[in-house]
Amino acid sequence: MLWPVLLWILGLFLVAWVFYNAWENINMPAGTSSTGRRLRALSGDRVRSLGELLIANWLFKRKIPFAYDKAVSFSLREPPLRPDFLLDDRHCFIEFLGKEADRAARDQKEKLYSEKGWKVVWVTPEDLDRLNEVLSPLTSQPAGV
């Protein structure tokens, strides 16, 4: 008679654990989590948001090499930038914009990227259900190949 009770207690514990983790992530602002990078992409990278997870998995499935959240310096005089995704062989960055996207910061980054000759693809939460359409230009051959 002890086994059914132990299984019932274990079941309650598992249900409570699942609800706790789901509730913790629901209450986080877009692009964040309580412990930083919690979601693991197929590539093995740990990302900060569901949007970044979907983008990372999209790139990985198409065998497009990328670096996640890597510091990029264009010169010693400028502070390094940290684009969400760096596609070095395509001279391209992918930036995921959360719900509270700062328009001024976006414009500043876009200007700097274009001055340096890099393309930037902006992905919004509304774009996540049509990633094939938004990111399909990246499936062409890398620059210089």
N, C-alpha and C. Protein backbone atom coordinates (compact mmCIF):
# COMPACT_ATOMS: atom_id res chain seq x y z
N MET A 1 0.80 -1.21 0.00
CA MET A 1 0.00 0.00 0.00
C MET A 1 0.85 1.27 0.00
N LEU A 2 2.12 1.14 0.28
CA LEU A 2 2.99 2.31 0.34
C LEU A 2 3.31 2.84 -1.06
N TRP A 3 3.44 1.95 -2.05
CA TRP A 3 3.81 2.37 -3.42
C TRP A 3 2.81 3.33 -4.04
N PRO A 4 1.52 3.08 -3.96
CA PRO A 4 0.57 4.04 -4.56
C PRO A 4 0.68 5.44 -3.93
N VAL A 5 0.91 5.49 -2.65
CA VAL A 5 1.04 6.79 -1.97
C VAL A 5 2.30 7.50 -2.44
N LEU A 6 3.40 6.76 -2.53
CA LEU A 6 4.66 7.37 -3.00
C LEU A 6 4.53 7.86 -4.44
N LEU A 7 3.88 7.07 -5.29
CA LEU A 7 3.68 7.49 -6.68
C LEU A 7 2.79 8.73 -6.76
N TRP A 8 1.77 8.79 -5.91
CA TRP A 8 0.88 9.94 -5.89
C TRP A 8 1.65 11.20 -5.46
N ILE A 9 2.50 11.08 -4.45
CA ILE A 9 3.31 12.21 -3.98
C ILE A 9 4.29 12.63 -5.07
N LEU A 10 4.92 11.68 -5.73
CA LEU A 10 5.84 12.00 -6.82
C LEU A 10 5.11 12.71 -7.95
N GLY A 11 3.92 12.26 -8.28
CA GLY A 11 3.12 12.91 -9.31
C GLY A 11 2.79 14.35 -8.95
N LEU A 12 2.41 14.58 -7.69
CA LEU A 12 2.14 15.95 -7.25
C LEU A 12 3.38 16.82 -7.35
N PHE A 13 4.52 16.27 -6.98
CA PHE A 13 5.77 17.02 -7.05
C PHE A 13 6.08 17.40 -8.49
N LEU A 14 5.94 16.45 -9.43
CA LEU A 14 6.22 16.74 -10.83
C LEU A 14 5.28 17.79 -11.40
N VAL A 15 4.00 17.70 -11.09
CA VAL A 15 3.04 18.69 -11.56
C VAL A 15 3.39 20.07 -11.01
N ALA A 16 3.72 20.14 -9.72
CA ALA A 16 4.08 21.43 -9.11
C ALA A 16 5.34 21.99 -9.76
N TRP A 17 6.31 21.15 -10.05
CA TRP A 17 7.56 21.60 -10.67
C TRP A 17 7.31 22.17 -12.07
N VAL A 18 6.48 21.47 -12.85
CA VAL A 18 6.17 21.94 -14.20
C VAL A 18 5.45 23.28 -14.15
N PHE A 19 4.44 23.41 -13.27
CA PHE A 19 3.72 24.68 -13.18
C PHE A 19 4.61 25.81 -12.67
N TYR A 20 5.50 25.51 -11.75
CA TYR A 20 6.41 26.54 -11.23
C TYR A 20 7.30 27.08 -12.35
N ASN A 21 7.90 26.18 -13.13
CA ASN A 21 8.78 26.62 -14.22
C ASN A 21 8.01 27.35 -15.30
N ALA A 22 6.82 26.90 -15.62
CA ALA A 22 6.02 27.59 -16.64
C ALA A 22 5.64 28.98 -16.14
N TRP A 23 5.21 29.10 -14.90
CA TRP A 23 4.82 30.39 -14.35
C TRP A 23 6.00 31.36 -14.30
N GLU A 24 7.16 30.85 -13.94
CA GLU A 24 8.35 31.68 -13.87
C GLU A 24 8.66 32.30 -15.23
N ASN A 25 8.53 31.55 -16.31
CA ASN A 25 8.83 32.05 -17.65
C ASN A 25 7.72 32.93 -18.21
N ILE A 26 6.48 32.72 -17.82
CA ILE A 26 5.38 33.55 -18.30
C ILE A 26 5.54 34.98 -17.81
N ASN A 27 6.02 35.16 -16.61
CA ASN A 27 6.10 36.49 -16.00
C ASN A 27 7.34 37.28 -16.39
N MET A 28 8.20 36.70 -17.21
CA MET A 28 9.42 37.40 -17.61
C MET A 28 9.13 38.32 -18.78
N PRO A 29 9.76 39.51 -18.81
CA PRO A 29 9.62 40.38 -19.99
C PRO A 29 10.22 39.68 -21.21
N ALA A 30 9.84 40.15 -22.38
CA ALA A 30 10.33 39.54 -23.62
C ALA A 30 11.85 39.58 -23.67
N GLY A 31 12.43 38.46 -24.04
CA GLY A 31 13.88 38.41 -24.22
C GLY A 31 14.66 38.15 -22.95
N THR A 32 13.99 37.91 -21.82
CA THR A 32 14.73 37.69 -20.58
C THR A 32 14.22 36.45 -19.88
N SER A 33 14.99 36.01 -18.90
CA SER A 33 14.55 34.96 -18.00
C SER A 33 15.23 35.20 -16.66
N SER A 34 14.77 34.53 -15.65
CA SER A 34 15.27 34.81 -14.31
C SER A 34 16.74 34.44 -14.15
N THR A 35 17.21 33.48 -14.90
CA THR A 35 18.61 33.06 -14.76
C THR A 35 19.41 33.32 -16.03
N GLY A 36 18.95 34.22 -16.86
CA GLY A 36 19.70 34.52 -18.08
C GLY A 36 19.33 33.56 -19.19
N ARG A 37 20.32 32.89 -19.75
CA ARG A 37 20.10 32.00 -20.90
C ARG A 37 19.64 30.64 -20.42
N ARG A 38 18.37 30.38 -20.55
CA ARG A 38 17.83 29.13 -20.06
C ARG A 38 17.45 28.15 -21.15
N LEU A 39 17.18 28.63 -22.33
CA LEU A 39 16.69 27.75 -23.39
C LEU A 39 17.86 27.25 -24.23
N ARG A 40 17.91 25.95 -24.46
CA ARG A 40 18.99 25.38 -25.24
C ARG A 40 18.52 25.11 -26.66
N ALA A 41 19.22 25.70 -27.61
CA ALA A 41 18.90 25.51 -29.03
C ALA A 41 19.48 24.19 -29.52
N LEU A 42 19.06 23.76 -30.70
CA LEU A 42 19.56 22.52 -31.28
C LEU A 42 21.07 22.56 -31.49
N SER A 43 21.61 23.76 -31.66
CA SER A 43 23.05 23.92 -31.86
C SER A 43 23.84 23.77 -30.56
N GLY A 44 23.14 23.74 -29.43
CA GLY A 44 23.80 23.66 -28.13
C GLY A 44 23.93 25.01 -27.46
N ASP A 45 23.68 26.10 -28.20
CA ASP A 45 23.75 27.43 -27.61
C ASP A 45 22.59 27.62 -26.63
N ARG A 46 22.87 28.32 -25.55
CA ARG A 46 21.81 28.71 -24.62
C ARG A 46 21.39 30.13 -24.96
N VAL A 47 20.09 30.32 -25.20
CA VAL A 47 19.57 31.60 -25.63
C VAL A 47 18.63 32.17 -24.58
N ARG A 48 18.31 33.46 -24.73
CA ARG A 48 17.55 34.17 -23.72
C ARG A 48 16.04 34.16 -23.92
N SER A 49 15.57 33.90 -25.14
CA SER A 49 14.14 34.02 -25.37
C SER A 49 13.67 32.97 -26.38
N LEU A 50 12.36 32.80 -26.42
CA LEU A 50 11.78 31.85 -27.36
C LEU A 50 12.02 32.29 -28.79
N GLY A 51 11.97 33.59 -29.04
CA GLY A 51 12.25 34.10 -30.38
C GLY A 51 13.65 33.76 -30.84
N GLU A 52 14.63 33.95 -29.96
CA GLU A 52 16.02 33.61 -30.30
C GLU A 52 16.18 32.11 -30.48
N LEU A 53 15.45 31.33 -29.71
CA LEU A 53 15.49 29.87 -29.85
C LEU A 53 14.98 29.45 -31.24
N LEU A 54 13.89 30.03 -31.67
CA LEU A 54 13.34 29.69 -32.98
C LEU A 54 14.29 30.08 -34.11
N ILE A 55 14.92 31.25 -33.97
CA ILE A 55 15.88 31.70 -34.99
C ILE A 55 17.10 30.78 -35.01
N ALA A 56 17.65 30.47 -33.85
CA ALA A 56 18.82 29.59 -33.76
C ALA A 56 18.52 28.22 -34.37
N ASN A 57 17.36 27.67 -34.06
CA ASN A 57 16.99 26.36 -34.60
C ASN A 57 16.78 26.43 -36.11
N TRP A 58 16.22 27.52 -36.60
CA TRP A 58 16.02 27.70 -38.04
C TRP A 58 17.37 27.69 -38.75
N LEU A 59 18.32 28.45 -38.23
CA LEU A 59 19.66 28.50 -38.84
C LEU A 59 20.35 27.14 -38.77
N PHE A 60 20.27 26.50 -37.62
CA PHE A 60 20.93 25.20 -37.43
C PHE A 60 20.39 24.14 -38.39
N LYS A 61 19.07 24.09 -38.54
CA LYS A 61 18.45 23.09 -39.42
C LYS A 61 18.86 23.29 -40.88
N ARG A 62 19.20 24.51 -41.25
CA ARG A 62 19.61 24.79 -42.62
C ARG A 62 21.12 24.81 -42.79
N LYS A 63 21.81 24.39 -41.74
CA LYS A 63 23.28 24.30 -41.74
C LYS A 63 23.94 25.64 -42.07
N ILE A 64 23.36 26.72 -41.58
CA ILE A 64 23.94 28.05 -41.75
C ILE A 64 24.76 28.34 -40.50
N PRO A 65 26.08 28.45 -40.62
CA PRO A 65 26.92 28.67 -39.43
C PRO A 65 26.66 30.05 -38.83
N PHE A 66 26.57 30.10 -37.50
CA PHE A 66 26.34 31.36 -36.82
C PHE A 66 27.03 31.35 -35.46
N ALA A 67 27.22 32.54 -34.94
CA ALA A 67 27.71 32.71 -33.56
C ALA A 67 26.64 33.48 -32.82
N TYR A 68 26.29 33.00 -31.63
CA TYR A 68 25.24 33.65 -30.85
C TYR A 68 25.86 34.60 -29.83
N ASP A 69 25.38 35.84 -29.80
CA ASP A 69 25.75 36.83 -28.80
C ASP A 69 27.26 37.01 -28.67
N LYS A 70 27.92 37.09 -29.81
CA LYS A 70 29.37 37.22 -29.83
C LYS A 70 29.75 38.69 -29.97
N ALA A 71 30.72 39.13 -29.18
CA ALA A 71 31.19 40.52 -29.26
C ALA A 71 31.91 40.73 -30.59
N VAL A 72 31.55 41.82 -31.26
CA VAL A 72 32.14 42.15 -32.56
C VAL A 72 32.71 43.56 -32.46
N SER A 73 34.01 43.69 -32.74
CA SER A 73 34.66 45.00 -32.73
C SER A 73 35.04 45.37 -34.15
N PHE A 74 34.66 46.57 -34.55
CA PHE A 74 35.04 47.06 -35.86
C PHE A 74 36.34 47.85 -35.79
N SER A 75 36.61 48.44 -34.62
CA SER A 75 37.88 49.16 -34.43
C SER A 75 38.15 49.23 -32.93
N LEU A 76 39.39 49.57 -32.59
CA LEU A 76 39.77 49.67 -31.18
C LEU A 76 39.14 50.88 -30.51
N ARG A 77 38.77 51.87 -31.29
CA ARG A 77 38.20 53.10 -30.72
C ARG A 77 36.72 52.97 -30.39
N GLU A 78 36.06 51.99 -30.95
CA GLU A 78 34.62 51.82 -30.73
C GLU A 78 34.37 50.65 -29.78
N PRO A 79 33.37 50.78 -28.93
CA PRO A 79 33.04 49.64 -28.06
C PRO A 79 32.49 48.49 -28.90
N PRO A 80 32.72 47.27 -28.49
CA PRO A 80 32.21 46.13 -29.28
C PRO A 80 30.69 46.07 -29.24
N LEU A 81 30.13 45.56 -30.31
CA LEU A 81 28.69 45.33 -30.39
C LEU A 81 28.42 43.86 -30.10
N ARG A 82 27.22 43.56 -29.65
CA ARG A 82 26.83 42.18 -29.38
C ARG A 82 25.53 41.87 -30.13
N PRO A 83 25.64 41.61 -31.44
CA PRO A 83 24.41 41.24 -32.16
C PRO A 83 23.92 39.88 -31.67
N ASP A 84 22.62 39.66 -31.79
CA ASP A 84 22.06 38.38 -31.35
C ASP A 84 22.69 37.22 -32.12
N PHE A 85 22.79 37.37 -33.44
CA PHE A 85 23.37 36.32 -34.27
C PHE A 85 24.34 36.94 -35.26
N LEU A 86 25.50 36.33 -35.38
CA LEU A 86 26.52 36.76 -36.33
C LEU A 86 26.67 35.66 -37.38
N LEU A 87 26.46 36.03 -38.63
CA LEU A 87 26.68 35.11 -39.75
C LEU A 87 27.88 35.66 -40.50
N ASP A 88 29.05 35.30 -40.02
CA ASP A 88 30.31 35.89 -40.48
C ASP A 88 30.54 35.65 -41.96
N ASP A 89 30.25 34.45 -42.45
CA ASP A 89 30.52 34.14 -43.85
C ASP A 89 29.56 34.85 -44.81
N ARG A 90 28.50 35.43 -44.28
CA ARG A 90 27.53 36.15 -45.11
C ARG A 90 27.55 37.66 -44.83
N HIS A 91 28.47 38.11 -44.00
CA HIS A 91 28.55 39.52 -43.59
C HIS A 91 27.17 40.04 -43.16
N CYS A 92 26.57 39.31 -42.21
CA CYS A 92 25.20 39.62 -41.81
C CYS A 92 25.02 39.41 -40.31
N PHE A 93 24.20 40.25 -39.73
CA PHE A 93 23.75 40.10 -38.35
C PHE A 93 22.25 39.85 -38.36
N ILE A 94 21.79 39.10 -37.38
CA ILE A 94 20.35 38.98 -37.15
C ILE A 94 20.08 39.51 -35.76
N GLU A 95 19.14 40.43 -35.67
CA GLU A 95 18.76 41.01 -34.38
C GLU A 95 17.29 40.67 -34.14
N PHE A 96 17.02 40.08 -32.97
CA PHE A 96 15.63 39.81 -32.58
C PHE A 96 15.16 40.95 -31.69
N LEU A 97 14.07 41.56 -32.07
CA LEU A 97 13.52 42.68 -31.31
C LEU A 97 12.39 42.18 -30.44
N GLY A 98 12.55 42.33 -29.14
CA GLY A 98 11.48 41.95 -28.21
C GLY A 98 10.32 42.92 -28.30
N LYS A 99 9.36 42.75 -27.44
CA LYS A 99 8.16 43.59 -27.48
C LYS A 99 8.48 45.06 -27.18
N GLU A 100 9.41 45.30 -26.29
CA GLU A 100 9.75 46.68 -25.93
C GLU A 100 11.00 47.13 -26.69
N ALA A 101 10.97 47.02 -27.99
CA ALA A 101 12.13 47.38 -28.81
C ALA A 101 12.37 48.89 -28.75
N ASP A 102 13.60 49.25 -28.55
CA ASP A 102 14.01 50.65 -28.50
C ASP A 102 14.33 51.11 -29.92
N ARG A 103 13.47 51.95 -30.46
CA ARG A 103 13.62 52.39 -31.86
C ARG A 103 14.92 53.15 -32.07
N ALA A 104 15.32 54.01 -31.11
CA ALA A 104 16.55 54.79 -31.26
C ALA A 104 17.77 53.87 -31.30
N ALA A 105 17.80 52.86 -30.43
CA ALA A 105 18.93 51.92 -30.42
C ALA A 105 18.98 51.14 -31.73
N ARG A 106 17.80 50.76 -32.23
CA ARG A 106 17.75 50.03 -33.51
C ARG A 106 18.30 50.90 -34.64
N ASP A 107 17.87 52.15 -34.71
CA ASP A 107 18.35 53.05 -35.76
C ASP A 107 19.85 53.25 -35.68
N GLN A 108 20.37 53.38 -34.46
CA GLN A 108 21.81 53.57 -34.26
C GLN A 108 22.59 52.35 -34.73
N LYS A 109 22.13 51.17 -34.35
CA LYS A 109 22.79 49.94 -34.77
C LYS A 109 22.73 49.78 -36.29
N GLU A 110 21.57 50.06 -36.85
CA GLU A 110 21.41 49.89 -38.29
C GLU A 110 22.36 50.81 -39.05
N LYS A 111 22.52 52.03 -38.59
CA LYS A 111 23.43 52.98 -39.23
C LYS A 111 24.87 52.48 -39.14
N LEU A 112 25.26 52.03 -37.96
CA LEU A 112 26.63 51.55 -37.77
C LEU A 112 26.90 50.31 -38.61
N TYR A 113 25.97 49.37 -38.63
CA TYR A 113 26.14 48.16 -39.42
C TYR A 113 26.30 48.50 -40.90
N SER A 114 25.45 49.40 -41.41
CA SER A 114 25.52 49.72 -42.84
C SER A 114 26.81 50.47 -43.17
N GLU A 115 27.29 51.32 -42.24
CA GLU A 115 28.56 52.02 -42.46
C GLU A 115 29.71 51.03 -42.60
N LYS A 116 29.63 49.93 -41.89
CA LYS A 116 30.69 48.91 -41.90
C LYS A 116 30.51 47.90 -43.02
N GLY A 117 29.43 48.03 -43.79
CA GLY A 117 29.21 47.12 -44.91
C GLY A 117 28.56 45.80 -44.52
N TRP A 118 27.91 45.75 -43.37
CA TRP A 118 27.24 44.54 -42.92
C TRP A 118 25.74 44.69 -43.10
N LYS A 119 25.12 43.60 -43.48
CA LYS A 119 23.67 43.58 -43.60
C LYS A 119 23.09 43.19 -42.24
N VAL A 120 21.93 43.72 -41.92
CA VAL A 120 21.25 43.33 -40.69
C VAL A 120 19.82 42.93 -41.03
N VAL A 121 19.39 41.82 -40.45
CA VAL A 121 18.02 41.36 -40.61
C VAL A 121 17.35 41.52 -39.25
N TRP A 122 16.30 42.31 -39.21
CA TRP A 122 15.56 42.54 -37.97
C TRP A 122 14.38 41.58 -37.93
N VAL A 123 14.25 40.86 -36.83
CA VAL A 123 13.15 39.92 -36.65
C VAL A 123 12.33 40.38 -35.45
N THR A 124 11.04 40.57 -35.66
CA THR A 124 10.13 40.98 -34.59
C THR A 124 9.33 39.78 -34.12
N PRO A 125 8.67 39.88 -32.98
CA PRO A 125 7.82 38.76 -32.53
C PRO A 125 6.75 38.38 -33.57
N GLU A 126 6.28 39.36 -34.32
CA GLU A 126 5.28 39.08 -35.35
C GLU A 126 5.86 38.26 -36.51
N ASP A 127 7.19 38.32 -36.69
CA ASP A 127 7.85 37.60 -37.79
C ASP A 127 8.10 36.13 -37.46
N LEU A 128 7.96 35.74 -36.22
CA LEU A 128 8.37 34.39 -35.81
C LEU A 128 7.57 33.29 -36.50
N ASP A 129 6.32 33.55 -36.85
CA ASP A 129 5.53 32.52 -37.51
C ASP A 129 5.76 32.48 -39.02
N ARG A 130 6.65 33.35 -39.52
CA ARG A 130 6.99 33.36 -40.95
C ARG A 130 8.50 33.52 -41.14
N LEU A 131 9.26 32.76 -40.36
CA LEU A 131 10.72 32.85 -40.44
C LEU A 131 11.25 32.44 -41.81
N ASN A 132 10.60 31.48 -42.46
CA ASN A 132 11.06 31.09 -43.80
C ASN A 132 11.06 32.28 -44.74
N GLU A 133 10.04 33.09 -44.67
CA GLU A 133 9.94 34.27 -45.54
C GLU A 133 10.96 35.34 -45.15
N VAL A 134 11.11 35.57 -43.85
CA VAL A 134 11.98 36.65 -43.37
C VAL A 134 13.46 36.31 -43.55
N LEU A 135 13.83 35.05 -43.28
CA LEU A 135 15.24 34.67 -43.30
C LEU A 135 15.67 33.95 -44.58
N SER A 136 14.75 33.72 -45.50
CA SER A 136 15.11 32.96 -46.70
C SER A 136 16.25 33.57 -47.51
N PRO A 137 16.44 34.91 -47.55
CA PRO A 137 17.59 35.43 -48.30
C PRO A 137 18.94 34.93 -47.74
N LEU A 138 18.96 34.47 -46.52
CA LEU A 138 20.21 34.00 -45.91
C LEU A 138 20.59 32.60 -46.38
N THR A 139 19.68 31.91 -47.05
CA THR A 139 19.99 30.55 -47.48
C THR A 139 20.81 30.52 -48.76
N SER A 140 20.99 31.68 -49.39
CA SER A 140 21.84 31.72 -50.59
C SER A 140 23.30 31.55 -50.19
N GLN A 141 24.15 31.39 -51.17
CA GLN A 141 25.58 31.15 -50.92
C GLN A 141 26.21 32.29 -50.12
N PRO A 142 27.16 31.97 -49.24
CA PRO A 142 27.89 33.00 -48.49
C PRO A 142 28.63 33.94 -49.40
N ALA A 143 28.90 35.14 -48.88
CA ALA A 143 29.67 36.14 -49.64
C ALA A 143 31.06 35.60 -49.93
N GLY A 144 31.53 35.79 -51.11
CA GLY A 144 32.89 35.39 -51.47
C GLY A 144 33.02 33.94 -51.85
N VAL A 145 31.92 33.18 -51.96
CA VAL A 145 32.01 31.78 -52.32
C VAL A 145 31.60 31.60 -53.75
